[in-house]
Protein backbone atom coordinates (compact mmCIF):
# COMPACT_ATOMS: atom_id res chain seq x y z
CA UNK A 1 9.51 54.43 103.85
CA UNK A 2 7.14 56.12 106.63
CA UNK A 3 10.19 56.88 108.71
CA UNK A 4 11.55 58.67 105.63
CA UNK A 5 8.37 60.57 105.23
CA UNK A 6 8.20 61.51 108.77
CA UNK A 7 11.82 62.70 108.50
CA UNK A 8 10.94 65.17 105.58
CA UNK A 9 7.98 66.41 107.48
CA UNK A 10 9.92 67.02 110.68
CA UNK A 11 12.58 68.86 108.52
CA UNK A 12 10.04 70.74 106.74
CA UNK A 13 8.20 72.02 109.76
CA UNK A 14 11.65 72.89 111.42
CA UNK A 15 12.55 75.07 108.13
CA UNK A 16 8.83 76.48 108.21
CA UNK A 17 9.42 77.30 111.80
CA UNK A 18 12.53 79.31 111.08
CA UNK A 19 10.68 81.20 108.16
CA UNK A 20 7.73 81.93 110.50
CA UNK A 21 10.02 83.38 113.26
CA UNK A 22 11.88 85.22 110.99
CA UNK A 23 8.85 86.86 109.36
CA UNK A 24 7.58 87.64 112.75
CA UNK A 25 10.66 89.53 113.31
CA UNK A 26 10.54 91.36 110.06
CA UNK A 27 6.62 92.18 110.83
CA UNK A 28 7.51 93.47 114.16
CA UNK A 29 10.90 95.51 112.81
CA UNK A 30 8.76 97.10 110.18
CA UNK A 31 5.88 98.20 112.32
CA UNK A 32 8.46 100.34 114.54
CA UNK A 33 8.56 104.04 113.64
CA UNK A 34 11.30 104.94 111.39
CA UNK A 35 13.25 106.86 113.89
CA UNK A 36 13.29 104.12 116.38
CA UNK A 37 14.60 101.73 114.25
CA UNK A 38 18.18 102.17 114.71
CA UNK A 39 18.15 102.82 118.31
CA UNK A 40 15.91 99.44 118.40
CA UNK A 41 18.80 97.47 116.61
CA UNK A 42 21.65 98.75 118.85
CA UNK A 43 19.39 97.97 122.08
CA UNK A 44 18.80 94.44 120.68
CA UNK A 45 22.49 93.79 120.02
CA UNK A 46 23.16 95.14 123.31
CA UNK A 47 21.06 92.67 124.80
CA UNK A 48 22.40 89.88 122.69
CA UNK A 49 26.10 90.99 123.62
CA UNK A 50 25.19 91.29 127.10
CA UNK A 51 23.81 87.66 127.01
CA UNK A 52 26.71 86.35 125.40
CA UNK A 53 29.21 87.76 127.83
CA UNK A 54 27.17 86.23 130.75
CA UNK A 55 27.67 82.67 129.49
CA UNK A 56 29.77 80.36 131.61
CA UNK A 57 32.38 79.91 129.04
CA UNK A 58 32.65 83.61 127.83
CA UNK A 59 35.66 85.54 128.95
CA UNK A 60 35.30 88.76 130.94
CA UNK A 61 34.42 91.90 128.76
CA UNK A 62 34.39 95.17 130.88
CA UNK A 63 33.09 96.82 127.65
CA UNK A 64 29.67 95.38 128.17
CA UNK A 65 29.35 96.51 131.84
CA UNK A 66 27.48 99.75 130.99
CA UNK A 67 26.25 98.71 127.65
CA UNK A 68 22.33 98.56 128.52
CA UNK A 69 22.24 101.83 129.90
CA UNK A 70 21.11 105.28 128.10
CA UNK A 71 24.54 106.31 128.55
CA UNK A 72 26.16 103.03 127.23
CA UNK A 73 24.01 103.48 123.94
CA UNK A 74 24.08 106.94 123.87
CA UNK A 75 20.34 107.37 123.94
CA UNK A 76 17.94 109.70 125.67
CA UNK A 77 16.25 108.18 128.75
CA UNK A 78 12.75 108.43 127.11
CA UNK A 79 14.14 106.42 123.95
CA UNK A 80 15.67 104.02 125.95
CA UNK A 81 12.55 103.64 128.39
CA UNK A 82 10.62 103.14 124.97
CA UNK A 83 12.81 100.08 123.75
CA UNK A 84 12.82 98.42 127.09
CA UNK A 85 8.92 98.49 126.97
CA UNK A 86 8.38 97.11 123.61
CA UNK A 87 6.63 93.66 123.31
CA UNK A 88 9.87 92.47 120.93
CA UNK A 89 9.30 88.70 119.94
CA UNK A 90 11.33 86.39 121.53
CA UNK A 91 14.55 85.68 120.15
CA UNK A 92 14.93 88.63 118.20
CA UNK A 93 18.22 89.72 119.96
CA UNK A 94 19.73 86.36 119.42
CA UNK A 95 18.70 86.29 115.77
CA UNK A 96 20.02 89.51 115.26
CA UNK A 97 23.33 88.70 116.88
CA UNK A 98 23.50 85.95 114.48
CA UNK A 99 22.77 87.86 111.53
CA UNK A 100 25.57 90.40 112.29
CA UNK A 101 27.86 87.79 113.21
CA UNK A 102 27.69 84.76 110.67
CA UNK A 103 26.13 87.10 107.52
CA UNK A 104 28.33 90.28 107.92
CA UNK A 105 31.58 88.36 109.70
CA UNK A 106 31.86 90.30 113.19
CA UNK A 107 33.14 88.99 116.10
CA UNK A 108 31.83 89.97 119.54
CA UNK A 109 34.14 92.91 120.03
CA UNK A 110 33.41 94.31 116.51
CA UNK A 111 29.63 93.91 117.65
CA UNK A 112 30.40 96.16 120.73
CA UNK A 113 32.04 98.72 118.23
CA UNK A 114 28.81 98.61 115.90
CA UNK A 115 26.76 99.06 118.74
CA UNK A 116 28.52 102.01 119.89
CA UNK A 117 29.60 103.65 116.62
CA UNK A 118 26.65 102.40 114.53
CA UNK A 119 29.43 101.57 111.92
CA UNK A 120 32.35 98.98 111.79
CA UNK A 121 34.66 99.50 109.12
CA UNK A 122 37.32 96.21 108.73
CA UNK A 123 40.96 97.07 109.33
CA UNK A 124 42.81 97.08 105.81
CA UNK A 125 39.50 97.02 103.89
CA UNK A 126 37.02 99.29 102.40
CA UNK A 127 34.29 96.84 103.74
CA UNK A 128 32.10 98.42 106.27
CA UNK A 129 28.89 97.08 108.13
CA UNK A 130 26.36 99.60 109.55
CA UNK A 131 23.31 99.09 111.57
CA UNK A 132 21.09 99.53 108.42
CA UNK A 133 22.92 96.37 106.96
CA UNK A 134 21.50 94.31 109.86
CA UNK A 135 18.20 95.97 109.64
CA UNK A 136 17.97 95.30 105.89
CA UNK A 137 17.55 91.97 106.73
CA UNK A 138 14.39 92.41 108.42
CA UNK A 139 13.00 94.66 105.61
């Protein structure tokens, strides 16, 4: 019985930690000025994509080579510098990548397209995902 109670407590703790982390991400995201939210999401997704591409089992993705540059993201240098200097909560980019891939159904290449164009429309479908969809997860 004690073992069962301990397991339930551990499971609840893990669940609460996930909620707390997600809440931290939401508070941080909502504290950003509106004009920085979209570039922030693009930058964070780019961080996650570059991290994914660097994993040992990942195939080569030349489209990620210049992604983390002002030119690669199509951002002014000052905006890019501001994004780099933010004290973003640890794990934000990975969480955002998970939201986009699991909740919105995008694969790696589609995420890159979303980063570059701010919108991805599925072929043969009327369904599109834009950065606002990902951002609404934190709203």
